[in-house]
């Protein structure tokens, strides 16, 4: 407890800055890199990076309009990293895992990036609607 108070007194908002900025850079680097991975799709990697940045933006937006940071999922930072890590480990163990789905070559990394994009869209929508609901409640 004493450490927490000391940290808040010494680091404060500056600590938040140095926690958040590298997270956004790492999100982009990881997803864009996964998009360029063998057998993957760069456009899907860039899409996952944009969605991840937007999800974080919506969380920060909630704080900036006075309703606090909203941490709804299903694809918050932890879940995005878990999906990416799982797909990476499985790809290393089963490198030839690839399926033909309607003329589209599906790999574990592509599947993971697709899950991140779709889940991120759902997450952003849930957070936006929650922020809007809280703003409406504050207005009354």
N, C-alpha and C. Protein backbone atom coordinates (compact mmCIF):
# COMPACT_ATOMS: atom_id res chain seq x y z
N UNK A 1 0.82 -1.19 0.00
CA UNK A 1 0.00 0.00 0.00
C UNK A 1 0.87 1.26 0.00
N UNK A 2 1.91 1.24 0.83
CA UNK A 2 2.79 2.41 0.88
C UNK A 2 3.48 2.62 -0.47
N UNK A 3 3.86 1.51 -1.12
CA UNK A 3 4.50 1.61 -2.43
C UNK A 3 3.55 2.26 -3.43
N UNK A 4 2.31 1.87 -3.39
CA UNK A 4 1.32 2.42 -4.31
C UNK A 4 1.16 3.93 -4.12
N UNK A 5 1.09 4.38 -2.88
CA UNK A 5 0.96 5.82 -2.61
C UNK A 5 2.22 6.56 -3.06
N UNK A 6 3.40 5.97 -2.79
CA UNK A 6 4.65 6.60 -3.21
C UNK A 6 4.70 6.71 -4.73
N UNK A 7 4.33 5.62 -5.42
CA UNK A 7 4.34 5.62 -6.88
C UNK A 7 3.41 6.69 -7.41
N UNK A 8 2.20 6.77 -6.89
CA UNK A 8 1.24 7.77 -7.35
C UNK A 8 1.76 9.19 -7.12
N UNK A 9 2.41 9.41 -5.98
CA UNK A 9 2.93 10.74 -5.67
C UNK A 9 4.10 11.11 -6.56
N UNK A 10 4.95 10.15 -6.89
CA UNK A 10 6.16 10.43 -7.66
C UNK A 10 5.93 10.34 -9.17
N UNK A 11 5.12 9.40 -9.59
CA UNK A 11 4.96 9.14 -11.03
C UNK A 11 3.68 9.77 -11.56
N UNK A 12 2.57 9.51 -10.89
CA UNK A 12 1.29 10.12 -11.27
C UNK A 12 0.91 9.93 -12.72
N UNK A 13 0.44 11.00 -13.33
CA UNK A 13 -0.06 10.97 -14.71
C UNK A 13 1.05 10.68 -15.71
N UNK A 14 2.29 11.05 -15.37
CA UNK A 14 3.40 10.76 -16.26
C UNK A 14 3.57 9.26 -16.45
N UNK A 15 3.33 8.51 -15.38
CA UNK A 15 3.39 7.05 -15.47
C UNK A 15 2.34 6.51 -16.42
N UNK A 16 1.15 7.10 -16.39
CA UNK A 16 0.09 6.69 -17.32
C UNK A 16 0.53 6.91 -18.76
N UNK A 17 1.16 8.04 -19.00
CA UNK A 17 1.64 8.35 -20.35
C UNK A 17 2.64 7.30 -20.83
N UNK A 18 3.62 6.98 -19.98
CA UNK A 18 4.67 6.03 -20.39
C UNK A 18 4.19 4.59 -20.33
N UNK A 19 3.02 4.35 -19.78
CA UNK A 19 2.42 3.03 -19.87
C UNK A 19 1.63 2.89 -21.17
N UNK A 20 0.87 3.90 -21.52
CA UNK A 20 -0.03 3.83 -22.68
C UNK A 20 0.68 3.94 -24.03
N UNK A 21 1.57 4.91 -24.18
CA UNK A 21 2.21 5.14 -25.48
C UNK A 21 2.94 3.91 -26.01
N UNK A 22 3.78 3.25 -25.20
CA UNK A 22 4.45 2.05 -25.72
C UNK A 22 3.47 0.92 -26.03
N UNK A 23 2.37 0.84 -25.28
CA UNK A 23 1.36 -0.19 -25.58
C UNK A 23 0.79 -0.01 -26.98
N UNK A 24 0.51 1.21 -27.37
CA UNK A 24 -0.05 1.45 -28.71
C UNK A 24 0.97 1.11 -29.79
N UNK A 25 2.23 1.46 -29.56
CA UNK A 25 3.28 1.13 -30.53
C UNK A 25 3.45 -0.38 -30.63
N UNK A 26 3.44 -1.06 -29.49
CA UNK A 26 3.62 -2.51 -29.51
C UNK A 26 2.44 -3.20 -30.18
N UNK A 27 1.21 -2.71 -29.95
CA UNK A 27 0.05 -3.28 -30.66
C UNK A 27 0.27 -3.23 -32.17
N UNK A 28 0.62 -2.06 -32.66
CA UNK A 28 0.81 -1.90 -34.11
C UNK A 28 1.94 -2.78 -34.61
N UNK A 29 3.06 -2.81 -33.91
CA UNK A 29 4.20 -3.61 -34.35
C UNK A 29 3.86 -5.10 -34.38
N UNK A 30 3.17 -5.58 -33.37
CA UNK A 30 2.83 -7.00 -33.30
C UNK A 30 1.86 -7.39 -34.40
N UNK A 31 0.79 -6.62 -34.58
CA UNK A 31 -0.22 -7.01 -35.56
C UNK A 31 0.24 -6.80 -36.99
N UNK A 32 0.96 -5.72 -37.25
CA UNK A 32 1.49 -5.52 -38.60
C UNK A 32 2.52 -6.60 -38.90
N UNK A 33 3.35 -6.92 -37.92
CA UNK A 33 4.32 -8.01 -38.09
C UNK A 33 3.64 -9.34 -38.36
N UNK A 34 2.57 -9.62 -37.64
CA UNK A 34 1.81 -10.85 -37.87
C UNK A 34 1.20 -10.85 -39.26
N UNK A 35 0.81 -9.69 -39.73
CA UNK A 35 0.26 -9.60 -41.08
C UNK A 35 1.28 -9.95 -42.14
N UNK A 36 2.55 -9.69 -41.87
CA UNK A 36 3.61 -10.03 -42.81
C UNK A 36 4.20 -11.41 -42.56
N UNK A 37 3.71 -12.11 -41.54
CA UNK A 37 4.23 -13.45 -41.23
C UNK A 37 4.01 -14.38 -42.42
N UNK A 38 4.82 -15.40 -42.48
CA UNK A 38 4.73 -16.36 -43.59
C UNK A 38 3.30 -16.87 -43.74
N UNK A 39 2.77 -16.76 -44.93
CA UNK A 39 1.43 -17.25 -45.22
C UNK A 39 0.32 -16.38 -44.68
N UNK A 40 0.64 -15.18 -44.25
CA UNK A 40 -0.39 -14.33 -43.71
C UNK A 40 -0.78 -13.24 -44.70
N UNK A 41 -1.38 -12.17 -44.20
CA UNK A 41 -1.95 -11.14 -45.06
C UNK A 41 -1.67 -9.76 -44.46
N UNK A 42 -0.81 -8.96 -45.10
CA UNK A 42 -0.47 -7.64 -44.54
C UNK A 42 -1.69 -6.75 -44.28
N UNK A 43 -2.68 -6.78 -45.16
CA UNK A 43 -3.87 -5.94 -44.97
C UNK A 43 -4.60 -6.32 -43.69
N UNK A 44 -4.62 -7.60 -43.38
CA UNK A 44 -5.27 -8.06 -42.16
C UNK A 44 -4.48 -7.60 -40.93
N UNK A 45 -3.17 -7.61 -41.02
CA UNK A 45 -2.34 -7.11 -39.92
C UNK A 45 -2.55 -5.63 -39.67
N UNK A 46 -2.59 -4.85 -40.76
CA UNK A 46 -2.84 -3.41 -40.61
C UNK A 46 -4.24 -3.17 -40.06
N UNK A 47 -5.21 -3.96 -40.50
CA UNK A 47 -6.58 -3.82 -39.99
C UNK A 47 -6.63 -4.10 -38.49
N UNK A 48 -5.96 -5.15 -38.06
CA UNK A 48 -5.93 -5.48 -36.63
C UNK A 48 -5.27 -4.35 -35.84
N UNK A 49 -4.21 -3.76 -36.39
CA UNK A 49 -3.53 -2.65 -35.71
C UNK A 49 -4.46 -1.45 -35.57
N UNK A 50 -5.17 -1.12 -36.64
CA UNK A 50 -6.08 0.03 -36.60
C UNK A 50 -7.21 -0.21 -35.60
N UNK A 51 -7.78 -1.41 -35.62
CA UNK A 51 -8.86 -1.73 -34.69
C UNK A 51 -8.35 -1.68 -33.25
N UNK A 52 -7.16 -2.21 -32.99
CA UNK A 52 -6.61 -2.18 -31.63
C UNK A 52 -6.41 -0.74 -31.16
N UNK A 53 -5.92 0.10 -32.04
CA UNK A 53 -5.74 1.52 -31.68
C UNK A 53 -7.08 2.18 -31.41
N UNK A 54 -8.09 1.84 -32.22
CA UNK A 54 -9.41 2.44 -32.02
C UNK A 54 -10.03 1.99 -30.70
N UNK A 55 -9.87 0.72 -30.36
CA UNK A 55 -10.40 0.21 -29.09
C UNK A 55 -9.77 0.97 -27.92
N UNK A 56 -8.46 1.17 -27.97
CA UNK A 56 -7.78 1.93 -26.91
C UNK A 56 -8.24 3.39 -26.91
N UNK A 57 -8.45 3.95 -28.08
CA UNK A 57 -8.93 5.33 -28.20
C UNK A 57 -10.30 5.49 -27.54
N UNK A 58 -11.19 4.54 -27.78
CA UNK A 58 -12.53 4.62 -27.20
C UNK A 58 -12.44 4.54 -25.68
N UNK A 59 -11.55 3.70 -25.16
CA UNK A 59 -11.36 3.63 -23.71
C UNK A 59 -10.90 4.99 -23.17
N UNK A 60 -9.92 5.58 -23.82
CA UNK A 60 -9.43 6.90 -23.40
C UNK A 60 -10.49 7.98 -23.58
N UNK A 61 -11.30 7.85 -24.61
CA UNK A 61 -12.37 8.81 -24.86
C UNK A 61 -13.36 8.83 -23.70
N UNK A 62 -13.68 7.66 -23.18
CA UNK A 62 -14.57 7.59 -22.02
C UNK A 62 -14.02 8.39 -20.85
N UNK A 63 -12.73 8.26 -20.62
CA UNK A 63 -12.10 9.01 -19.53
C UNK A 63 -12.12 10.51 -19.82
N UNK A 64 -11.89 10.88 -21.06
CA UNK A 64 -11.80 12.31 -21.40
C UNK A 64 -13.15 13.02 -21.32
N UNK A 65 -14.25 12.29 -21.50
CA UNK A 65 -15.57 12.92 -21.41
C UNK A 65 -16.17 12.78 -20.01
N UNK A 66 -15.39 12.22 -19.09
CA UNK A 66 -15.80 12.21 -17.70
C UNK A 66 -16.57 11.01 -17.20
N UNK A 67 -16.61 9.92 -17.97
CA UNK A 67 -17.32 8.74 -17.50
C UNK A 67 -16.37 7.61 -17.10
N UNK A 68 -15.09 7.88 -17.14
CA UNK A 68 -14.10 6.88 -16.74
C UNK A 68 -13.69 5.98 -17.89
N UNK A 69 -12.65 5.22 -17.64
CA UNK A 69 -12.19 4.29 -18.66
C UNK A 69 -13.09 3.06 -18.65
N UNK A 70 -13.54 2.68 -19.82
CA UNK A 70 -14.43 1.53 -19.95
C UNK A 70 -13.60 0.36 -20.45
N UNK A 71 -13.59 -0.73 -19.68
CA UNK A 71 -12.76 -1.89 -20.02
C UNK A 71 -13.59 -3.09 -20.46
N UNK A 72 -14.61 -2.86 -21.27
CA UNK A 72 -15.42 -3.97 -21.77
C UNK A 72 -14.66 -4.72 -22.86
N UNK A 73 -14.98 -6.00 -23.04
CA UNK A 73 -14.35 -6.83 -24.08
C UNK A 73 -15.31 -7.08 -25.20
N UNK A 74 -15.11 -8.07 -26.00
CA UNK A 74 -14.32 -9.28 -25.78
C UNK A 74 -12.86 -9.21 -26.23
N UNK A 75 -12.42 -8.14 -26.85
CA UNK A 75 -11.04 -8.09 -27.35
C UNK A 75 -10.29 -6.88 -26.79
N UNK A 76 -10.14 -6.87 -25.47
CA UNK A 76 -9.28 -5.86 -24.85
C UNK A 76 -7.83 -6.29 -25.06
N UNK A 77 -6.89 -5.51 -24.59
CA UNK A 77 -5.46 -5.77 -24.82
C UNK A 77 -5.06 -7.19 -24.43
N UNK A 78 -5.49 -7.64 -23.26
CA UNK A 78 -5.09 -8.96 -22.78
C UNK A 78 -5.58 -10.06 -23.72
N UNK A 79 -6.81 -9.95 -24.16
CA UNK A 79 -7.37 -10.97 -25.05
C UNK A 79 -6.70 -10.94 -26.42
N UNK A 80 -6.41 -9.75 -26.93
CA UNK A 80 -5.71 -9.65 -28.22
C UNK A 80 -4.35 -10.33 -28.14
N UNK A 81 -3.63 -10.09 -27.05
CA UNK A 81 -2.31 -10.70 -26.90
C UNK A 81 -2.41 -12.20 -26.70
N UNK A 82 -3.43 -12.66 -25.98
CA UNK A 82 -3.61 -14.10 -25.78
C UNK A 82 -3.89 -14.80 -27.11
N UNK A 83 -4.76 -14.21 -27.93
CA UNK A 83 -5.06 -14.79 -29.25
C UNK A 83 -3.81 -14.83 -30.12
N UNK A 84 -3.05 -13.74 -30.13
CA UNK A 84 -1.84 -13.66 -30.94
C UNK A 84 -0.79 -14.66 -30.45
N UNK A 85 -0.60 -14.73 -29.14
CA UNK A 85 0.38 -15.67 -28.58
C UNK A 85 -0.02 -17.11 -28.88
N UNK A 86 -1.29 -17.43 -28.67
CA UNK A 86 -1.76 -18.78 -28.94
C UNK A 86 -1.56 -19.18 -30.39
N UNK A 87 -1.91 -18.29 -31.30
CA UNK A 87 -1.74 -18.59 -32.73
C UNK A 87 -0.27 -18.72 -33.10
N UNK A 88 0.57 -17.91 -32.50
CA UNK A 88 2.01 -17.97 -32.78
C UNK A 88 2.61 -19.28 -32.29
N UNK A 89 2.26 -19.68 -31.08
CA UNK A 89 2.78 -20.94 -30.53
C UNK A 89 2.28 -22.12 -31.35
N UNK A 90 0.99 -22.13 -31.66
CA UNK A 90 0.45 -23.22 -32.48
C UNK A 90 1.07 -23.25 -33.87
N UNK A 91 1.33 -22.09 -34.44
CA UNK A 91 1.96 -22.03 -35.76
C UNK A 91 3.38 -22.58 -35.71
N UNK A 92 4.06 -22.36 -34.60
CA UNK A 92 5.42 -22.91 -34.45
C UNK A 92 5.38 -24.42 -34.29
N UNK A 93 4.35 -24.92 -33.60
CA UNK A 93 4.23 -26.36 -33.39
C UNK A 93 3.70 -27.09 -34.61
N UNK A 94 2.81 -26.45 -35.35
CA UNK A 94 2.19 -27.05 -36.54
C UNK A 94 2.34 -26.05 -37.69
N UNK A 95 3.55 -25.89 -38.22
CA UNK A 95 3.79 -24.83 -39.20
C UNK A 95 3.02 -25.01 -40.51
N UNK A 96 2.62 -26.22 -40.83
CA UNK A 96 1.92 -26.45 -42.10
C UNK A 96 0.41 -26.34 -41.97
N UNK A 97 -0.09 -25.89 -40.82
CA UNK A 97 -1.53 -25.79 -40.60
C UNK A 97 -2.10 -24.71 -41.51
N UNK A 98 -2.81 -25.15 -42.52
CA UNK A 98 -3.39 -24.23 -43.50
C UNK A 98 -4.62 -24.90 -44.11
N UNK A 99 -5.67 -24.14 -44.27
CA UNK A 99 -6.90 -24.68 -44.81
C UNK A 99 -7.38 -23.84 -45.97
N UNK A 100 -7.99 -24.49 -46.93
CA UNK A 100 -8.58 -23.77 -48.06
C UNK A 100 -10.05 -23.56 -47.75
N UNK A 101 -10.44 -22.31 -47.61
CA UNK A 101 -11.82 -21.98 -47.28
C UNK A 101 -12.37 -21.12 -48.41
N UNK A 102 -13.11 -21.72 -49.29
CA UNK A 102 -13.72 -20.99 -50.41
C UNK A 102 -12.70 -20.28 -51.28
N UNK A 103 -11.59 -20.92 -51.54
CA UNK A 103 -10.55 -20.32 -52.38
C UNK A 103 -9.62 -19.39 -51.62
N UNK A 104 -9.84 -19.25 -50.33
CA UNK A 104 -9.00 -18.39 -49.49
C UNK A 104 -8.15 -19.28 -48.61
N UNK A 105 -6.87 -19.06 -48.60
CA UNK A 105 -5.95 -19.84 -47.77
C UNK A 105 -5.98 -19.31 -46.34
N UNK A 106 -6.45 -20.13 -45.42
CA UNK A 106 -6.58 -19.72 -44.02
C UNK A 106 -5.47 -20.35 -43.19
N UNK A 107 -4.66 -19.52 -42.54
CA UNK A 107 -3.63 -20.00 -41.62
C UNK A 107 -4.03 -19.61 -40.20
N UNK A 108 -3.30 -20.16 -39.24
CA UNK A 108 -3.60 -19.82 -37.84
C UNK A 108 -3.42 -18.33 -37.56
N UNK A 109 -2.39 -17.73 -38.16
CA UNK A 109 -2.15 -16.30 -37.94
C UNK A 109 -3.27 -15.48 -38.58
N UNK A 110 -3.68 -15.85 -39.78
CA UNK A 110 -4.80 -15.14 -40.43
C UNK A 110 -6.06 -15.27 -39.59
N UNK A 111 -6.30 -16.47 -39.10
CA UNK A 111 -7.48 -16.69 -38.26
C UNK A 111 -7.42 -15.82 -37.00
N UNK A 112 -6.25 -15.77 -36.37
CA UNK A 112 -6.09 -14.94 -35.16
C UNK A 112 -6.32 -13.47 -35.47
N UNK A 113 -5.75 -12.99 -36.56
CA UNK A 113 -5.94 -11.58 -36.93
C UNK A 113 -7.41 -11.29 -37.23
N UNK A 114 -8.08 -12.22 -37.89
CA UNK A 114 -9.51 -12.06 -38.16
C UNK A 114 -10.33 -11.98 -36.88
N UNK A 115 -9.99 -12.85 -35.92
CA UNK A 115 -10.67 -12.83 -34.62
C UNK A 115 -10.43 -11.49 -33.92
N UNK A 116 -9.21 -10.99 -34.01
CA UNK A 116 -8.87 -9.72 -33.37
C UNK A 116 -9.63 -8.56 -34.02
N UNK A 117 -9.72 -8.57 -35.35
CA UNK A 117 -10.44 -7.50 -36.05
C UNK A 117 -11.93 -7.54 -35.69
N UNK A 118 -12.55 -8.70 -35.84
CA UNK A 118 -13.99 -8.80 -35.55
C UNK A 118 -14.28 -8.55 -34.07
N UNK A 119 -13.48 -9.16 -33.20
CA UNK A 119 -13.66 -8.95 -31.77
C UNK A 119 -13.41 -7.51 -31.36
N UNK A 120 -12.46 -6.87 -32.01
CA UNK A 120 -12.16 -5.47 -31.73
C UNK A 120 -13.30 -4.55 -32.12
N UNK A 121 -13.94 -4.86 -33.24
CA UNK A 121 -15.09 -4.06 -33.67
C UNK A 121 -16.22 -4.19 -32.64
N UNK A 122 -16.46 -5.42 -32.18
CA UNK A 122 -17.48 -5.64 -31.16
C UNK A 122 -17.11 -4.90 -29.87
N UNK A 123 -15.84 -4.98 -29.49
CA UNK A 123 -15.37 -4.31 -28.28
C UNK A 123 -15.55 -2.80 -28.37
N UNK A 124 -15.14 -2.22 -29.49
CA UNK A 124 -15.29 -0.77 -29.67
C UNK A 124 -16.76 -0.36 -29.61
N UNK A 125 -17.61 -1.14 -30.27
CA UNK A 125 -19.05 -0.84 -30.25
C UNK A 125 -19.60 -0.90 -28.83
N UNK A 126 -19.24 -1.95 -28.09
CA UNK A 126 -19.72 -2.08 -26.71
C UNK A 126 -19.26 -0.91 -25.85
N UNK A 127 -18.00 -0.52 -26.02
CA UNK A 127 -17.47 0.59 -25.23
C UNK A 127 -18.13 1.91 -25.61
N UNK A 128 -18.30 2.14 -26.90
CA UNK A 128 -18.96 3.38 -27.35
C UNK A 128 -20.38 3.47 -26.82
N UNK A 129 -21.12 2.38 -26.91
CA UNK A 129 -22.51 2.42 -26.43
C UNK A 129 -22.55 2.60 -24.92
N UNK A 130 -21.59 2.02 -24.21
CA UNK A 130 -21.54 2.20 -22.75
C UNK A 130 -21.21 3.65 -22.39
N UNK A 131 -20.26 4.24 -23.09
CA UNK A 131 -19.92 5.66 -22.87
C UNK A 131 -21.15 6.53 -23.14
N UNK A 132 -21.84 6.26 -24.24
CA UNK A 132 -23.04 7.04 -24.58
C UNK A 132 -24.11 6.90 -23.50
N UNK A 133 -24.32 5.68 -23.01
CA UNK A 133 -25.30 5.45 -21.95
C UNK A 133 -24.94 6.22 -20.69
N UNK A 134 -23.67 6.17 -20.31
CA UNK A 134 -23.23 6.88 -19.10
C UNK A 134 -23.35 8.39 -19.27
N UNK A 135 -23.07 8.90 -20.46
CA UNK A 135 -23.24 10.34 -20.71
C UNK A 135 -24.70 10.75 -20.62
N UNK A 136 -25.59 9.92 -21.17
CA UNK A 136 -27.03 10.21 -21.08
C UNK A 136 -27.48 10.23 -19.62
N UNK A 137 -27.00 9.26 -18.84
CA UNK A 137 -27.36 9.19 -17.42
C UNK A 137 -26.85 10.41 -16.66
N UNK A 138 -25.64 10.87 -16.99
CA UNK A 138 -25.09 12.06 -16.34
C UNK A 138 -25.88 13.31 -16.69
N UNK A 139 -26.45 13.34 -17.89
CA UNK A 139 -27.19 14.52 -18.35
C UNK A 139 -28.52 14.68 -17.61
N UNK A 140 -29.03 13.59 -17.07
CA UNK A 140 -30.34 13.66 -16.40
C UNK A 140 -30.17 13.94 -14.98
